[in-house]
Amino acid sequence: MVARYRVDAAQAGDVLQDAFLQYRAKLRDGRVDRPSLSHLRAFVRFCVLDAMRDARRLVALDEIAPPGPPADPEAAILRKLLVDHALDRLDRRCAYLLRARYFWGQTSAEIAGALALETGNVDVSLHRCRAKLRRALTEVSASVGRAR
């Protein structure tokens, strides 16, 4: 698993530099009570884990839908119809969150601003809504399979 997501030295340097800049901003704003080396290490570790998680998401999205035109246009249209039908089965809030994030390309912060929520709440809601969407897609796929 580690070899699949290994980054080069430049990418690692960018992640570390970004972590240190974020930490410095927290110090400047007074959001860190008692800075220490162990606190800094933990902060950097979480920044690195976030970067690895984001890299895994990008790889996973590429595996689901490779860039470029689809090999089978009919399959792409069917997949879009299935997703639209599954989204219609969800409650309005989940459907809005998923469409805002994945169809309209909004970030969690932008969605949070539009809904007057915390960014963390949006992330948790998106996680739960993705699980609901997976269940709805399974049901929709099964009903399509039975109809054939």
N, C-alpha and C. Protein backbone atom coordinates (compact mmCIF):
# COMPACT_ATOMS: atom_id res chain seq x y z
N MET A 1 0.82 -1.19 0.00
CA MET A 1 0.00 0.00 0.00
C MET A 1 0.86 1.25 0.00
N VAL A 2 1.92 1.26 0.76
CA VAL A 2 2.76 2.45 0.85
C VAL A 2 3.40 2.76 -0.49
N ALA A 3 3.88 1.75 -1.20
CA ALA A 3 4.57 1.99 -2.46
C ALA A 3 3.64 2.62 -3.49
N ARG A 4 2.37 2.31 -3.42
CA ARG A 4 1.43 2.85 -4.40
C ARG A 4 1.27 4.35 -4.27
N TYR A 5 1.41 4.88 -3.07
CA TYR A 5 1.18 6.30 -2.83
C TYR A 5 2.47 7.04 -2.50
N ARG A 6 3.61 6.48 -2.82
CA ARG A 6 4.87 7.13 -2.53
C ARG A 6 4.99 8.40 -3.36
N VAL A 7 5.49 9.45 -2.74
CA VAL A 7 5.65 10.73 -3.43
C VAL A 7 7.13 11.02 -3.60
N ASP A 8 7.44 11.89 -4.54
CA ASP A 8 8.84 12.25 -4.72
C ASP A 8 9.25 13.31 -3.68
N ALA A 9 10.51 13.64 -3.67
CA ALA A 9 11.04 14.56 -2.66
C ALA A 9 10.42 15.96 -2.78
N ALA A 10 10.14 16.40 -3.99
CA ALA A 10 9.55 17.73 -4.17
C ALA A 10 8.14 17.79 -3.58
N GLN A 11 7.35 16.72 -3.81
CA GLN A 11 6.00 16.69 -3.25
C GLN A 11 6.06 16.64 -1.72
N ALA A 12 6.95 15.84 -1.18
CA ALA A 12 7.09 15.75 0.27
C ALA A 12 7.52 17.10 0.85
N GLY A 13 8.43 17.77 0.17
CA GLY A 13 8.86 19.09 0.61
C GLY A 13 7.73 20.10 0.60
N ASP A 14 6.87 20.02 -0.43
CA ASP A 14 5.72 20.92 -0.50
C ASP A 14 4.76 20.69 0.65
N VAL A 15 4.52 19.42 0.97
CA VAL A 15 3.60 19.09 2.07
C VAL A 15 4.17 19.60 3.39
N LEU A 16 5.45 19.38 3.62
CA LEU A 16 6.07 19.84 4.86
C LEU A 16 6.10 21.37 4.96
N GLN A 17 6.42 22.01 3.87
CA GLN A 17 6.45 23.47 3.87
C GLN A 17 5.06 24.03 4.16
N ASP A 18 4.05 23.45 3.55
CA ASP A 18 2.68 23.89 3.79
C ASP A 18 2.30 23.67 5.26
N ALA A 19 2.71 22.54 5.83
CA ALA A 19 2.41 22.25 7.24
C ALA A 19 3.06 23.29 8.15
N PHE A 20 4.31 23.60 7.88
CA PHE A 20 5.00 24.58 8.72
C PHE A 20 4.38 25.97 8.59
N LEU A 21 3.95 26.33 7.38
CA LEU A 21 3.29 27.62 7.19
C LEU A 21 1.96 27.68 7.95
N GLN A 22 1.22 26.59 7.91
CA GLN A 22 -0.04 26.54 8.66
C GLN A 22 0.23 26.65 10.16
N TYR A 23 1.25 25.96 10.62
CA TYR A 23 1.57 25.99 12.05
C TYR A 23 2.01 27.40 12.47
N ARG A 24 2.80 28.02 11.63
CA ARG A 24 3.26 29.39 11.92
C ARG A 24 2.07 30.35 11.99
N ALA A 25 1.12 30.18 11.10
CA ALA A 25 -0.07 31.02 11.12
C ALA A 25 -0.88 30.79 12.40
N LYS A 26 -0.95 29.53 12.85
CA LYS A 26 -1.65 29.24 14.10
C LYS A 26 -0.94 29.91 15.28
N LEU A 27 0.39 29.88 15.27
CA LEU A 27 1.15 30.54 16.34
C LEU A 27 0.91 32.05 16.33
N ARG A 28 0.95 32.62 15.14
CA ARG A 28 0.78 34.07 15.00
C ARG A 28 -0.61 34.50 15.46
N ASP A 29 -1.63 33.68 15.14
CA ASP A 29 -3.01 34.02 15.51
C ASP A 29 -3.35 33.66 16.95
N GLY A 30 -2.44 33.00 17.63
CA GLY A 30 -2.68 32.62 19.02
C GLY A 30 -3.58 31.41 19.18
N ARG A 31 -3.65 30.56 18.16
CA ARG A 31 -4.51 29.38 18.24
C ARG A 31 -3.79 28.18 18.85
N VAL A 32 -2.51 28.33 19.19
CA VAL A 32 -1.76 27.27 19.85
C VAL A 32 -1.42 27.76 21.25
N ASP A 33 -1.90 27.03 22.26
CA ASP A 33 -1.71 27.47 23.65
C ASP A 33 -0.25 27.38 24.07
N ARG A 34 0.29 26.18 24.02
CA ARG A 34 1.68 25.98 24.45
C ARG A 34 2.42 25.22 23.36
N PRO A 35 3.10 25.92 22.47
CA PRO A 35 3.81 25.22 21.40
C PRO A 35 4.94 24.37 21.96
N SER A 36 5.08 23.19 21.40
CA SER A 36 6.17 22.31 21.80
C SER A 36 6.57 21.48 20.59
N LEU A 37 7.69 20.83 20.70
CA LEU A 37 8.16 20.00 19.60
C LEU A 37 7.21 18.83 19.35
N SER A 38 6.68 18.23 20.40
CA SER A 38 5.76 17.10 20.22
C SER A 38 4.46 17.57 19.55
N HIS A 39 4.00 18.77 19.91
CA HIS A 39 2.80 19.31 19.27
C HIS A 39 3.06 19.57 17.79
N LEU A 40 4.21 20.12 17.47
CA LEU A 40 4.57 20.37 16.08
C LEU A 40 4.65 19.07 15.30
N ARG A 41 5.28 18.04 15.90
CA ARG A 41 5.38 16.74 15.22
C ARG A 41 3.99 16.17 14.91
N ALA A 42 3.10 16.24 15.90
CA ALA A 42 1.74 15.72 15.69
C ALA A 42 1.03 16.50 14.60
N PHE A 43 1.17 17.81 14.60
CA PHE A 43 0.54 18.64 13.59
C PHE A 43 1.04 18.27 12.19
N VAL A 44 2.36 18.13 12.05
CA VAL A 44 2.95 17.77 10.75
C VAL A 44 2.49 16.38 10.33
N ARG A 45 2.43 15.46 11.29
CA ARG A 45 2.00 14.09 10.97
C ARG A 45 0.58 14.11 10.41
N PHE A 46 -0.32 14.89 11.03
CA PHE A 46 -1.69 14.96 10.53
C PHE A 46 -1.76 15.64 9.17
N CYS A 47 -0.92 16.62 8.92
CA CYS A 47 -0.88 17.25 7.60
C CYS A 47 -0.43 16.24 6.54
N VAL A 48 0.56 15.43 6.87
CA VAL A 48 1.05 14.41 5.93
C VAL A 48 -0.04 13.37 5.69
N LEU A 49 -0.71 12.93 6.74
CA LEU A 49 -1.80 11.96 6.58
C LEU A 49 -2.92 12.53 5.72
N ASP A 50 -3.24 13.80 5.90
CA ASP A 50 -4.25 14.45 5.06
C ASP A 50 -3.83 14.45 3.59
N ALA A 51 -2.56 14.76 3.35
CA ALA A 51 -2.05 14.77 1.97
C ALA A 51 -2.11 13.37 1.37
N MET A 52 -1.77 12.35 2.16
CA MET A 52 -1.83 10.97 1.66
C MET A 52 -3.28 10.57 1.38
N ARG A 53 -4.20 10.99 2.25
CA ARG A 53 -5.62 10.67 2.04
C ARG A 53 -6.11 11.33 0.76
N ASP A 54 -5.73 12.58 0.55
CA ASP A 54 -6.15 13.27 -0.67
C ASP A 54 -5.57 12.59 -1.91
N ALA A 55 -4.32 12.12 -1.82
CA ALA A 55 -3.70 11.43 -2.95
C ALA A 55 -4.44 10.13 -3.24
N ARG A 56 -4.84 9.43 -2.19
CA ARG A 56 -5.60 8.18 -2.39
C ARG A 56 -6.93 8.47 -3.05
N ARG A 57 -7.58 9.56 -2.64
CA ARG A 57 -8.85 9.93 -3.27
C ARG A 57 -8.67 10.18 -4.75
N LEU A 58 -7.61 10.90 -5.10
CA LEU A 58 -7.37 11.19 -6.51
C LEU A 58 -7.12 9.91 -7.29
N VAL A 59 -6.35 8.99 -6.72
CA VAL A 59 -6.09 7.72 -7.39
C VAL A 59 -7.39 6.96 -7.55
N ALA A 60 -8.20 6.91 -6.49
CA ALA A 60 -9.46 6.18 -6.55
C ALA A 60 -10.39 6.78 -7.60
N LEU A 61 -10.47 8.10 -7.67
CA LEU A 61 -11.32 8.72 -8.68
C LEU A 61 -10.82 8.42 -10.09
N ASP A 62 -9.51 8.39 -10.28
CA ASP A 62 -8.96 8.06 -11.59
C ASP A 62 -9.28 6.62 -11.98
N GLU A 63 -9.30 5.72 -10.99
CA GLU A 63 -9.62 4.33 -11.28
C GLU A 63 -11.10 4.17 -11.64
N ILE A 64 -11.96 4.98 -11.02
CA ILE A 64 -13.39 4.87 -11.30
C ILE A 64 -13.70 5.44 -12.68
N ALA A 65 -13.22 6.62 -12.96
CA ALA A 65 -13.50 7.27 -14.23
C ALA A 65 -12.20 7.84 -14.79
N PRO A 66 -11.51 7.06 -15.63
CA PRO A 66 -10.27 7.57 -16.20
C PRO A 66 -10.52 8.81 -17.04
N PRO A 67 -9.53 9.72 -17.08
CA PRO A 67 -9.72 10.94 -17.86
C PRO A 67 -9.86 10.65 -19.34
N GLY A 68 -10.48 11.56 -20.04
CA GLY A 68 -10.68 11.40 -21.47
C GLY A 68 -12.06 10.87 -21.77
N PRO A 69 -12.35 10.71 -23.04
CA PRO A 69 -13.68 10.23 -23.42
C PRO A 69 -13.87 8.79 -22.97
N PRO A 70 -15.09 8.43 -22.56
CA PRO A 70 -15.33 7.06 -22.11
C PRO A 70 -15.19 6.08 -23.26
N ALA A 71 -14.72 4.88 -22.94
CA ALA A 71 -14.54 3.86 -23.97
C ALA A 71 -15.89 3.45 -24.55
N ASP A 72 -16.90 3.39 -23.71
CA ASP A 72 -18.25 2.99 -24.15
C ASP A 72 -19.21 4.11 -23.77
N PRO A 73 -19.61 4.96 -24.74
CA PRO A 73 -20.49 6.09 -24.41
C PRO A 73 -21.83 5.64 -23.83
N GLU A 74 -22.36 4.50 -24.28
CA GLU A 74 -23.63 4.02 -23.74
C GLU A 74 -23.50 3.67 -22.26
N ALA A 75 -22.38 3.07 -21.88
CA ALA A 75 -22.17 2.73 -20.48
C ALA A 75 -22.04 3.99 -19.63
N ALA A 76 -21.41 5.03 -20.17
CA ALA A 76 -21.28 6.29 -19.44
C ALA A 76 -22.65 6.93 -19.23
N ILE A 77 -23.50 6.89 -20.24
CA ILE A 77 -24.84 7.45 -20.11
C ILE A 77 -25.65 6.65 -19.10
N LEU A 78 -25.55 5.33 -19.15
CA LEU A 78 -26.26 4.48 -18.19
C LEU A 78 -25.79 4.76 -16.77
N ARG A 79 -24.47 4.91 -16.60
CA ARG A 79 -23.92 5.20 -15.26
C ARG A 79 -24.45 6.54 -14.75
N LYS A 80 -24.50 7.54 -15.62
CA LYS A 80 -25.03 8.86 -15.22
C LYS A 80 -26.50 8.76 -14.83
N LEU A 81 -27.28 8.03 -15.60
CA LEU A 81 -28.70 7.86 -15.27
C LEU A 81 -28.88 7.13 -13.94
N LEU A 82 -28.07 6.12 -13.69
CA LEU A 82 -28.15 5.39 -12.42
C LEU A 82 -27.82 6.30 -11.24
N VAL A 83 -26.77 7.11 -11.40
CA VAL A 83 -26.38 8.03 -10.32
C VAL A 83 -27.47 9.07 -10.10
N ASP A 84 -28.03 9.62 -11.18
CA ASP A 84 -29.11 10.61 -11.04
C ASP A 84 -30.32 10.00 -10.33
N HIS A 85 -30.67 8.76 -10.70
CA HIS A 85 -31.81 8.10 -10.07
C HIS A 85 -31.53 7.82 -8.60
N ALA A 86 -30.30 7.41 -8.28
CA ALA A 86 -29.94 7.16 -6.89
C ALA A 86 -29.95 8.45 -6.09
N LEU A 87 -29.48 9.56 -6.67
CA LEU A 87 -29.51 10.85 -5.98
C LEU A 87 -30.95 11.29 -5.70
N ASP A 88 -31.85 10.99 -6.62
CA ASP A 88 -33.26 11.34 -6.41
C ASP A 88 -33.87 10.58 -5.25
N ARG A 89 -33.33 9.41 -4.92
CA ARG A 89 -33.83 8.63 -3.79
C ARG A 89 -33.36 9.18 -2.43
N LEU A 90 -32.31 9.99 -2.45
CA LEU A 90 -31.77 10.53 -1.20
C LEU A 90 -32.59 11.73 -0.74
N ASP A 91 -32.42 12.09 0.54
CA ASP A 91 -33.08 13.29 1.03
C ASP A 91 -32.45 14.52 0.35
N ARG A 92 -33.16 15.63 0.38
CA ARG A 92 -32.72 16.83 -0.35
C ARG A 92 -31.36 17.31 0.10
N ARG A 93 -31.09 17.25 1.40
CA ARG A 93 -29.82 17.76 1.93
C ARG A 93 -28.64 16.94 1.39
N CYS A 94 -28.77 15.62 1.42
CA CYS A 94 -27.68 14.77 0.92
C CYS A 94 -27.48 14.98 -0.58
N ALA A 95 -28.58 15.04 -1.31
CA ALA A 95 -28.46 15.23 -2.76
C ALA A 95 -27.78 16.56 -3.06
N TYR A 96 -28.15 17.61 -2.32
CA TYR A 96 -27.52 18.92 -2.53
C TYR A 96 -26.02 18.86 -2.21
N LEU A 97 -25.67 18.27 -1.07
CA LEU A 97 -24.26 18.20 -0.68
C LEU A 97 -23.43 17.46 -1.73
N LEU A 98 -23.93 16.32 -2.19
CA LEU A 98 -23.18 15.53 -3.17
C LEU A 98 -23.07 16.25 -4.52
N ARG A 99 -24.15 16.87 -4.94
CA ARG A 99 -24.09 17.61 -6.21
C ARG A 99 -23.16 18.80 -6.11
N ALA A 100 -23.23 19.52 -4.98
CA ALA A 100 -22.36 20.69 -4.81
C ALA A 100 -20.90 20.28 -4.83
N ARG A 101 -20.59 19.18 -4.18
CA ARG A 101 -19.19 18.75 -4.08
C ARG A 101 -18.67 18.16 -5.39
N TYR A 102 -19.43 17.24 -5.97
CA TYR A 102 -18.89 16.46 -7.10
C TYR A 102 -19.33 16.94 -8.47
N PHE A 103 -20.49 17.57 -8.59
CA PHE A 103 -20.91 18.05 -9.90
C PHE A 103 -20.54 19.51 -10.11
N TRP A 104 -20.70 20.31 -9.05
CA TRP A 104 -20.41 21.74 -9.18
C TRP A 104 -19.00 22.07 -8.74
N GLY A 105 -18.28 21.12 -8.16
CA GLY A 105 -16.88 21.31 -7.81
C GLY A 105 -16.62 22.24 -6.64
N GLN A 106 -17.59 22.42 -5.76
CA GLN A 106 -17.39 23.30 -4.61
C GLN A 106 -16.57 22.59 -3.53
N THR A 107 -15.79 23.36 -2.81
CA THR A 107 -15.01 22.81 -1.70
C THR A 107 -15.91 22.71 -0.47
N SER A 108 -15.43 22.00 0.54
CA SER A 108 -16.19 21.89 1.79
C SER A 108 -16.39 23.26 2.43
N ALA A 109 -15.39 24.11 2.33
CA ALA A 109 -15.50 25.45 2.91
C ALA A 109 -16.58 26.27 2.19
N GLU A 110 -16.65 26.15 0.87
CA GLU A 110 -17.67 26.89 0.11
C GLU A 110 -19.08 26.39 0.46
N ILE A 111 -19.21 25.08 0.57
CA ILE A 111 -20.51 24.50 0.94
C ILE A 111 -20.89 24.94 2.35
N ALA A 112 -19.91 24.90 3.25
CA ALA A 112 -20.16 25.31 4.64
C ALA A 112 -20.61 26.76 4.70
N GLY A 113 -19.99 27.62 3.91
CA GLY A 113 -20.38 29.02 3.88
C GLY A 113 -21.80 29.21 3.36
N ALA A 114 -22.17 28.43 2.35
CA ALA A 114 -23.51 28.55 1.77
C ALA A 114 -24.59 28.06 2.73
N LEU A 115 -24.25 27.05 3.53
CA LEU A 115 -25.24 26.46 4.44
C LEU A 115 -25.09 26.93 5.88
N ALA A 116 -24.15 27.83 6.14
CA ALA A 116 -23.88 28.34 7.50
C ALA A 116 -23.56 27.19 8.45
N LEU A 117 -22.64 26.33 8.03
CA LEU A 117 -22.19 25.20 8.84
C LEU A 117 -20.68 25.29 9.03
N GLU A 118 -20.16 24.46 9.91
CA GLU A 118 -18.72 24.30 10.05
C GLU A 118 -18.22 23.37 8.95
N THR A 119 -16.99 23.55 8.53
CA THR A 119 -16.41 22.71 7.48
C THR A 119 -16.38 21.25 7.90
N GLY A 120 -16.07 21.00 9.15
CA GLY A 120 -16.04 19.62 9.65
C GLY A 120 -17.40 18.96 9.56
N ASN A 121 -18.47 19.73 9.83
CA ASN A 121 -19.82 19.17 9.72
C ASN A 121 -20.13 18.79 8.28
N VAL A 122 -19.67 19.61 7.34
CA VAL A 122 -19.89 19.30 5.93
C VAL A 122 -19.15 18.03 5.55
N ASP A 123 -17.90 17.89 6.01
CA ASP A 123 -17.12 16.69 5.69
C ASP A 123 -17.78 15.43 6.25
N VAL A 124 -18.25 15.49 7.48
CA VAL A 124 -18.92 14.33 8.09
C VAL A 124 -20.21 14.03 7.34
N SER A 125 -20.97 15.06 7.00
CA SER A 125 -22.22 14.86 6.26
C SER A 125 -21.95 14.26 4.89
N LEU A 126 -20.90 14.73 4.21
CA LEU A 126 -20.55 14.16 2.91
C LEU A 126 -20.19 12.69 3.03
N HIS A 127 -19.47 12.35 4.08
CA HIS A 127 -19.10 10.94 4.31
C HIS A 127 -20.36 10.09 4.47
N ARG A 128 -21.29 10.56 5.27
CA ARG A 128 -22.54 9.81 5.49
C ARG A 128 -23.39 9.77 4.22
N CYS A 129 -23.41 10.87 3.48
CA CYS A 129 -24.20 10.91 2.25
C CYS A 129 -23.62 10.00 1.18
N ARG A 130 -22.29 9.88 1.13
CA ARG A 130 -21.69 8.95 0.18
C ARG A 130 -22.09 7.51 0.51
N ALA A 131 -22.15 7.18 1.80
CA ALA A 131 -22.58 5.84 2.19
C ALA A 131 -24.03 5.60 1.77
N LYS A 132 -24.89 6.61 1.97
CA LYS A 132 -26.29 6.49 1.54
C LYS A 132 -26.38 6.34 0.02
N LEU A 133 -25.54 7.09 -0.69
CA LEU A 133 -25.55 7.00 -2.16
C LEU A 133 -25.11 5.62 -2.62
N ARG A 134 -24.09 5.05 -1.96
CA ARG A 134 -23.66 3.69 -2.32
C ARG A 134 -24.80 2.70 -2.14
N ARG A 135 -25.53 2.80 -1.02
CA ARG A 135 -26.67 1.90 -0.79
C ARG A 135 -27.74 2.12 -1.85
N ALA A 136 -28.03 3.38 -2.17
CA ALA A 136 -29.05 3.67 -3.18
C ALA A 136 -28.62 3.15 -4.55
N LEU A 137 -27.33 3.30 -4.88
CA LEU A 137 -26.84 2.78 -6.17
C LEU A 137 -26.96 1.26 -6.23
N THR A 138 -26.69 0.60 -5.12
CA THR A 138 -26.83 -0.86 -5.08
C THR A 138 -28.28 -1.26 -5.34
N GLU A 139 -29.22 -0.55 -4.69
CA GLU A 139 -30.65 -0.84 -4.89
C GLU A 139 -31.08 -0.56 -6.33
N VAL A 140 -30.64 0.56 -6.87
CA VAL A 140 -31.02 0.94 -8.23
C VAL A 140 -30.43 -0.07 -9.22
N SER A 141 -29.17 -0.43 -9.03
CA SER A 141 -28.54 -1.41 -9.93
C SER A 141 -29.24 -2.75 -9.87
N ALA A 142 -29.63 -3.15 -8.67
CA ALA A 142 -30.33 -4.42 -8.51
C ALA A 142 -31.68 -4.37 -9.20
N SER A 143 -32.39 -3.24 -9.08
CA SER A 143 -33.72 -3.14 -9.73
C SER A 143 -33.57 -3.13 -11.26
N VAL A 144 -32.50 -2.51 -11.77
CA VAL A 144 -32.26 -2.52 -13.21
C VAL A 144 -31.92 -3.93 -13.67
N GLY A 145 -31.13 -4.64 -12.87
CA GLY A 145 -30.78 -6.02 -13.19
C GLY A 145 -31.99 -6.93 -13.22
N ARG A 146 -32.94 -6.71 -12.29
CA ARG A 146 -34.16 -7.53 -12.28
C ARG A 146 -35.06 -7.19 -13.46
N ALA A 147 -35.03 -5.94 -13.92
CA ALA A 147 -35.89 -5.52 -15.02
C ALA A 147 -35.44 -6.10 -16.36
N ARG A 148 -34.17 -6.45 -16.46
CA ARG A 148 -33.64 -6.98 -17.73
C ARG A 148 -34.11 -8.34 -17.97
